[in-house]
Protein backbone atom coordinates (compact mmCIF):
# COMPACT_ATOMS: atom_id res chain seq x y z
CA MET A 1 2.00 5.13 -12.22
CA VAL A 2 3.98 6.14 -9.05
CA SER A 3 6.04 8.51 -11.14
CA LEU A 4 2.77 9.71 -12.85
CA PHE A 5 1.29 10.40 -9.40
CA VAL A 6 4.33 12.28 -8.18
CA ASN A 7 4.40 14.41 -11.32
CA LYS A 8 0.76 15.20 -10.88
CA ARG A 9 1.50 16.45 -7.25
CA LEU A 10 4.34 18.44 -8.41
CA ARG A 11 2.51 19.97 -11.48
CA ARG A 12 1.10 22.79 -9.28
CA LEU A 13 4.59 23.81 -8.00
CA VAL A 14 6.06 23.53 -11.60
CA ARG A 15 3.16 25.58 -12.95
CA ALA A 16 3.77 28.41 -10.37
CA LEU A 17 7.51 28.48 -11.06
CA ILE A 18 7.02 28.54 -14.81
CA LEU A 19 4.51 31.44 -14.46
CA ALA A 20 6.91 33.30 -12.29
CA LEU A 21 9.83 32.72 -14.77
CA ILE A 22 7.75 33.95 -17.67
CA SER A 23 6.77 37.04 -15.79
CA ILE A 24 10.44 37.85 -15.09
CA LEU A 25 11.32 37.31 -18.62
CA ILE A 26 8.56 39.74 -19.78
CA GLY A 27 9.63 42.29 -17.12
CA VAL A 28 13.38 42.21 -17.95
CA SER A 29 12.88 42.29 -21.67
CA THR A 30 10.33 45.18 -21.52
CA TYR A 31 12.47 47.28 -19.30
CA MET A 32 15.44 46.84 -21.61
CA TYR A 33 13.39 47.68 -24.68
CA LEU A 34 11.33 50.68 -23.23
CA GLU A 35 14.11 52.05 -20.83
CA GLY A 36 17.32 50.82 -22.43
CA PHE A 37 18.45 49.35 -19.11
CA SER A 38 21.25 46.89 -18.94
CA LEU A 39 20.30 43.37 -18.23
CA VAL A 40 21.27 43.70 -14.47
CA ASP A 41 19.29 46.82 -14.11
CA ALA A 42 16.27 45.31 -15.90
CA PHE A 43 16.32 42.25 -13.74
CA TYR A 44 16.73 44.52 -10.64
CA MET A 45 13.70 46.58 -11.63
CA THR A 46 11.73 43.36 -12.25
CA VAL A 47 12.33 41.87 -8.88
CA ILE A 48 11.70 44.96 -6.99
CA THR A 49 8.48 45.52 -8.99
CA LEU A 50 7.35 41.81 -8.53
CA SER A 51 7.99 41.92 -4.87
CA THR A 52 6.58 45.21 -4.27
CA VAL A 53 9.23 46.01 -1.69
CA GLY A 54 9.46 49.66 -2.59
CA PHE A 55 13.16 50.14 -3.33
CA ASN A 56 14.34 53.08 -5.44
CA GLU A 57 14.23 52.85 -9.41
CA VAL A 58 17.44 52.62 -11.18
CA LYS A 59 16.55 55.98 -12.84
CA PRO A 60 13.15 57.75 -13.42
CA LEU A 61 10.98 55.89 -15.73
CA SER A 62 9.47 57.23 -18.92
CA ASN A 63 5.65 57.53 -19.24
CA ALA A 64 5.74 54.26 -21.11
CA GLY A 65 7.72 52.72 -18.32
CA GLN A 66 5.47 53.98 -15.58
CA LEU A 67 2.47 52.79 -17.47
CA PHE A 68 3.97 49.25 -18.00
CA THR A 69 5.01 49.07 -14.37
CA SER A 70 1.53 49.90 -13.12
CA PHE A 71 -0.11 47.08 -15.24
CA TYR A 72 2.93 44.80 -14.58
CA ILE A 73 2.25 45.15 -10.75
CA ILE A 74 -1.41 44.57 -11.02
CA GLY A 75 -0.91 41.56 -13.44
CA ASN A 76 1.58 40.00 -11.07
CA LEU A 77 -0.27 40.32 -7.85
CA ALA A 78 -2.16 37.00 -8.80
CA ILE A 79 1.03 35.11 -9.87
CA PHE A 80 2.95 36.25 -6.80
CA ALA A 81 0.02 35.25 -4.41
CA TYR A 82 -0.16 31.87 -6.25
CA LEU A 83 3.51 31.29 -6.07
CA VAL A 84 3.50 32.17 -2.39
CA SER A 85 0.58 29.99 -1.52
CA THR A 86 2.12 27.06 -3.49
CA LEU A 87 5.56 27.23 -1.70
CA THR A 88 3.90 27.59 1.50
CA SER A 89 1.85 24.34 1.15
CA TYR A 90 4.90 22.41 -0.19
CA ILE A 91 7.34 23.59 2.35
CA PHE A 92 5.34 24.52 5.52
CA GLU A 93 2.49 22.07 5.20
CA GLY A 94 4.48 19.13 4.24
CA GLU A 95 3.22 18.53 0.88
CA LEU A 96 6.81 18.27 -0.69
CA GLN A 97 7.81 15.63 1.95
CA GLN A 98 4.69 13.76 1.28
CA THR A 99 5.71 13.73 -2.46
CA LEU A 100 9.04 12.53 -1.85
CA ASN A 101 7.87 9.81 0.56
CA ILE A 102 5.54 8.57 -2.16
CA PHE A 103 8.49 8.53 -4.66
CA PHE A 104 10.86 6.72 -2.18
CA MET A 105 8.17 4.18 -1.26
CA GLY A 106 7.87 3.29 -4.98
CA GLN A 107 11.53 2.77 -5.18
CA GLU A 108 11.38 0.37 -2.17
CA VAL A 109 8.50 -1.64 -3.54
CA LYS A 110 10.61 -2.30 -6.71
CA LYS A 111 13.01 -4.48 -4.50
CA LEU A 112 10.24 -6.65 -2.96
CA LYS A 113 9.72 -10.29 -4.30
CA ASN A 114 7.30 -13.01 -3.11
CA HIS A 115 5.33 -10.29 -1.30
CA ILE A 116 1.55 -9.73 -0.82
CA ILE A 117 -0.54 -6.96 -2.44
CA VAL A 118 -3.52 -5.66 -0.67
CA CYS A 119 -5.94 -3.69 -2.80
CA GLY A 120 -8.01 -1.27 -0.69
CA PHE A 121 -7.63 0.39 2.61
CA GLY A 122 -11.12 0.18 3.78
CA ARG A 123 -12.44 -1.73 6.77
CA ASN A 124 -11.64 -5.25 5.38
CA GLY A 125 -8.36 -3.99 3.99
CA ARG A 126 -7.36 -2.74 7.51
CA LYS A 127 -8.24 -6.08 9.07
CA VAL A 128 -6.02 -7.88 6.41
CA ILE A 129 -3.12 -5.58 7.21
CA GLU A 130 -3.40 -6.21 11.05
CA GLU A 131 -3.28 -10.02 10.52
CA LEU A 132 -0.33 -9.67 7.84
CA LEU A 133 1.54 -7.48 10.58
CA LYS A 134 1.07 -10.08 13.14
CA SER A 135 2.44 -12.76 10.96
CA LYS A 136 5.31 -10.40 9.89
CA GLU A 137 4.58 -10.72 6.14
CA ARG A 138 5.89 -8.29 3.46
CA PHE A 139 3.15 -6.46 1.73
CA VAL A 140 2.27 -3.43 -0.31
CA ILE A 141 -0.93 -1.44 -0.14
CA VAL A 142 -2.73 -0.28 -3.31
CA GLU A 143 -5.29 2.55 -2.59
CA LYS A 144 -6.37 5.40 -4.95
CA ASP A 145 -7.69 7.67 -2.32
CA GLU A 146 -4.96 9.29 -0.22
CA ASN A 147 -7.15 10.81 2.26
CA VAL A 148 -8.24 7.29 3.75
CA PHE A 149 -4.74 7.23 5.43
CA GLU A 150 -5.84 9.80 7.94
CA GLY A 151 -2.75 11.96 7.62
CA SER A 152 0.22 12.52 5.82
CA LEU A 153 1.93 9.47 4.22
CA LYS A 154 5.37 10.50 6.04
CA SER A 155 3.79 9.22 9.18
CA TYR A 156 2.51 6.18 7.66
CA ARG A 157 4.81 3.15 7.98
CA TYR A 158 3.42 0.80 5.46
CA GLN A 159 4.59 0.69 1.85
CA THR A 160 1.96 2.12 -0.32
CA ILE A 161 1.22 2.69 -3.78
CA ILE A 162 -1.29 5.55 -4.48
CA GLY A 163 -3.23 4.47 -7.69
CA ASP A 164 -6.16 2.75 -9.23
CA ALA A 165 -5.72 -1.12 -8.74
CA THR A 166 -7.62 -1.73 -11.83
CA LEU A 167 -5.00 -0.33 -13.97
CA ASP A 168 -2.08 -2.49 -15.15
CA GLU A 169 0.43 0.39 -14.39
CA THR A 170 -0.51 0.69 -10.93
CA MET A 171 -0.29 -3.13 -10.51
CA MET A 172 3.11 -3.26 -12.13
CA ASP A 173 4.31 -0.51 -9.74
CA ALA A 174 3.01 -2.74 -6.84
CA GLY A 175 5.15 -5.52 -8.28
CA VAL A 176 2.42 -7.87 -9.27
CA ASP A 177 4.73 -9.73 -11.50
CA ARG A 178 7.03 -10.66 -8.61
CA ALA A 179 4.39 -11.01 -5.91
CA ALA A 180 3.16 -14.27 -4.23
CA SER A 181 -0.40 -13.22 -3.38
CA ILE A 182 -2.73 -10.61 -4.00
CA ILE A 183 -5.83 -9.76 -1.64
CA THR A 184 -8.48 -7.43 -3.24
CA THR A 185 -10.96 -6.03 -0.63
CA LEU A 186 -12.63 -3.34 -2.78
CA PRO A 187 -16.45 -2.94 -2.11
CA ASN A 188 -17.17 -3.00 -5.91
CA ASP A 189 -17.36 -6.67 -7.17
CA ALA A 190 -16.74 -5.62 -10.75
CA GLU A 191 -13.57 -4.03 -9.70
CA ASN A 192 -12.41 -7.10 -7.79
CA VAL A 193 -13.16 -9.31 -10.86
CA PHE A 194 -11.14 -6.88 -13.08
CA ILE A 195 -8.14 -6.85 -10.62
CA THR A 196 -8.27 -10.81 -10.50
CA LEU A 197 -8.20 -10.99 -14.31
CA THR A 198 -5.40 -8.30 -14.58
CA SER A 199 -3.32 -9.89 -11.77
CA LYS A 200 -3.60 -13.47 -13.54
CA GLU A 201 -2.80 -12.02 -16.74
CA LEU A 202 0.42 -10.29 -15.44
CA ASN A 203 1.45 -13.27 -13.18
CA LYS A 204 -0.22 -16.53 -13.87
CA ASN A 205 1.38 -18.08 -10.64
CA ILE A 206 -0.17 -15.41 -8.45
CA ARG A 207 -2.52 -16.41 -5.78
CA VAL A 208 -5.73 -14.30 -5.73
CA ILE A 209 -7.93 -13.90 -2.62
CA SER A 210 -10.93 -11.82 -3.32
CA ARG A 211 -13.97 -10.23 -1.54
CA ALA A 212 -17.41 -10.49 -2.92
CA SER A 213 -20.58 -8.81 -2.02
CA ASP A 214 -23.03 -10.68 -4.41
CA GLU A 215 -23.38 -14.51 -4.64
CA ARG A 216 -23.47 -14.12 -8.40
CA THR A 217 -20.00 -12.68 -8.38
CA GLU A 218 -18.40 -15.62 -6.76
CA LYS A 219 -18.45 -17.92 -9.70
CA LYS A 220 -17.21 -15.02 -12.03
CA LEU A 221 -14.18 -14.49 -9.54
CA TYR A 222 -13.31 -18.19 -9.66
CA ARG A 223 -13.67 -18.12 -13.42
CA ALA A 224 -11.45 -15.10 -13.49
CA GLY A 225 -8.73 -16.96 -11.55
CA ALA A 226 -9.43 -16.28 -7.84
CA SER A 227 -8.06 -18.92 -5.56
CA HIS A 228 -10.40 -18.00 -2.72
CA VAL A 229 -13.47 -15.88 -2.76
CA ILE A 230 -14.72 -14.53 0.67
CA MET A 231 -18.14 -13.15 1.22
CA PRO A 232 -17.82 -11.07 4.55
CA ASP A 233 -21.60 -10.29 4.77
CA ALA A 234 -22.46 -14.02 4.43
CA LEU A 235 -19.54 -15.17 6.94
CA GLY A 236 -20.86 -12.42 9.33
CA GLY A 237 -24.60 -13.62 9.16
CA ILE A 238 -23.33 -17.23 9.76
CA HIS A 239 -21.31 -16.20 12.54
CA MET A 240 -23.88 -14.28 14.39
CA ALA A 241 -26.37 -17.19 13.94
CA GLN A 242 -23.94 -19.68 15.25
CA ILE A 243 -23.22 -17.62 18.35
CA ILE A 244 -26.61 -18.79 19.25
CA THR A 245 -26.79 -22.25 17.92
CA LYS A 246 -23.17 -23.19 18.73
CA PRO A 247 -21.85 -20.73 21.23
CA PHE A 248 -18.93 -22.83 22.59
CA VAL A 249 -17.91 -23.83 19.13
CA ILE A 250 -17.65 -20.07 18.12
CA GLU A 251 -15.94 -19.27 21.38
CA LEU A 252 -13.23 -21.96 20.51
CA LEU A 253 -13.02 -20.63 16.87
CA ASN A 254 -12.50 -17.08 18.25
CA ILE A 255 -9.70 -18.31 20.58
CA LEU A 256 -8.05 -20.09 17.54
CA ASN A 257 -8.45 -17.26 15.26
CA GLY A 258 -6.83 -14.76 17.77
CA MET A 259 -10.07 -12.71 18.16
CA THR A 260 -10.03 -13.01 21.81
CA ASP A 261 -7.37 -12.09 24.42
CA THR A 262 -5.81 -15.36 24.94
CA ASP A 263 -2.22 -16.92 24.71
CA TYR A 264 -3.37 -19.75 22.20
CA SER A 265 -2.79 -19.48 18.64
CA LEU A 266 -2.93 -21.74 15.28
CA GLU A 267 0.18 -22.23 13.51
CA GLU A 268 1.10 -23.93 10.21
CA VAL A 269 4.36 -25.35 9.25
CA SER A 270 5.25 -26.76 5.86
CA TYR A 271 7.56 -29.57 4.99
CA SER A 272 10.18 -26.97 3.72
CA HIS A 273 10.32 -25.08 6.94
CA LEU A 274 11.33 -28.14 8.92
CA ARG A 275 14.83 -28.71 9.66
CA PRO A 276 16.39 -31.45 7.35
CA GLU A 277 16.71 -33.99 10.42
CA PHE A 278 12.97 -33.51 10.92
CA ARG A 279 11.74 -34.22 7.47
CA ASP A 280 10.23 -37.53 6.30
CA LYS A 281 9.63 -38.56 9.86
CA THR A 282 6.49 -39.81 11.24
CA ILE A 283 4.37 -37.76 13.80
CA ARG A 284 5.36 -40.30 16.54
CA GLU A 285 9.10 -40.02 15.66
CA LEU A 286 8.78 -36.30 15.98
CA ASN A 287 7.12 -36.25 19.28
CA ILE A 288 5.99 -32.61 18.96
CA ARG A 289 3.68 -32.69 21.88
CA GLY A 290 6.23 -34.39 24.15
CA LYS A 291 8.86 -31.84 23.34
CA THR A 292 6.89 -28.67 23.02
CA GLY A 293 3.30 -29.24 24.22
CA LEU A 294 1.95 -28.42 20.96
CA SER A 295 -1.00 -30.53 19.53
CA ILE A 296 -1.19 -31.37 15.93
CA LEU A 297 -4.64 -30.49 14.98
CA GLY A 298 -4.50 -31.09 11.15
CA PHE A 299 -2.48 -32.49 8.47
CA LYS A 300 -2.65 -31.17 4.91
CA ASP A 301 -1.72 -33.74 2.22
CA PRO A 302 -1.52 -32.53 -1.34
CA VAL A 303 -3.58 -35.62 -2.50
CA LYS A 304 -5.74 -36.50 0.41
CA GLY A 305 -6.50 -33.03 1.39
CA MET A 306 -6.99 -31.84 4.96
CA ILE A 307 -6.75 -34.74 7.60
CA PHE A 308 -8.05 -33.74 11.07
CA ASN A 309 -6.40 -35.53 14.13
CA PRO A 310 -3.78 -37.25 11.99
CA GLU A 311 -2.58 -40.93 13.20
CA PRO A 312 0.77 -41.12 14.78
CA ASN A 313 2.23 -43.18 12.07
CA MET A 314 1.57 -40.46 9.30
CA ARG A 315 4.83 -39.43 7.71
CA ILE A 316 5.67 -35.77 7.04
CA LYS A 317 6.46 -35.78 3.25
CA LYS A 318 7.22 -33.03 0.67
CA GLU A 319 4.51 -30.41 0.05
CA ASP A 320 2.77 -31.67 3.43
CA VAL A 321 1.72 -29.09 5.97
CA ILE A 322 1.23 -29.57 9.81
CA ILE A 323 -1.37 -27.36 11.60
CA LEU A 324 -0.45 -27.02 15.29
CA LEU A 325 -2.50 -25.68 18.20
CA GLY A 326 -0.89 -24.12 21.47
CA ASN A 327 0.14 -21.23 23.41
CA LYS A 328 2.65 -18.71 22.04
CA SER A 329 5.52 -19.93 24.22
CA ASP A 330 5.16 -23.38 22.93
CA VAL A 331 4.97 -22.15 19.39
CA TYR A 332 8.14 -20.32 19.97
CA LYS A 333 9.83 -23.24 21.45
CA PHE A 334 8.72 -25.52 18.44
CA ARG A 335 10.11 -22.95 15.93
CA LYS A 336 13.37 -22.75 17.87
CA GLU A 337 13.77 -26.56 17.86
CA PHE A 338 12.16 -27.82 14.70
CA THR A 339 12.31 -25.27 11.96
CA ASN A 340 14.82 -23.29 10.13
CA THR A 341 12.74 -19.99 10.20
């Protein structure tokens, strides 16, 4: 799909060049036939006629040659103008550079593995990307409307696939068969369901997080294979109501989610990220709070599920995840001492 999109962008340039070539061939062959010019003279006459620069003729033309030249100039005015405008847009307006950037971005995406695919660059898509950038995650944007990027792609630093996310070819260009997760934020629920079905068909292990606008779509998305379904309108309404009913709870949640200008953040660390010497230890043995100042807010057990305020004698086992709360300097200290990331 990337190559098809690039070809589509180049089609106008190729068309203009082909028209110009055909026109030159017509001029050369006609001058050779009507006036008996050599190939070089016929080409010279064709070029000066096309460009209308007004150089002298090779030799005086016959009546037939003059008549042909008159119609040839009139017929080529449109071709010449079309060629000039096309070359101008490609060279001076940066369209050729944009086309090359799209091609090279497609080549870079082919090298990615275990990345995240974000479908849609609307309001929700932009928020998703902001969060992924904070976490330094590798991701690819799939967006069919190039104009939403507010400027040329050469100034856009994200790896992007311009295409329809509901098409298999587009998703393969985005590396869906090698991706770890896909987040689809399109406003159309039917398209989100279709993308979920397509993604799970192309990569059965991929994790799909989808947006939904209608409650009836939520069940369809889960049946299609979505791991999580987010309804922004419903969440927004609940959030606004709870600002009144539970203002301090919401204030705390906003702090934890990084929605306010504070130094606190939530971090999750899996068993595999811990250094070998800290694996299979109890929370008491790790003494994370004493060494770094971080608090263990939760503990994700693959069997028991989420455990809040875990007991000190709980042991960190394979596939477990620790959820930590603290300021950013303490998080940095923890990662430096306890993890291999």
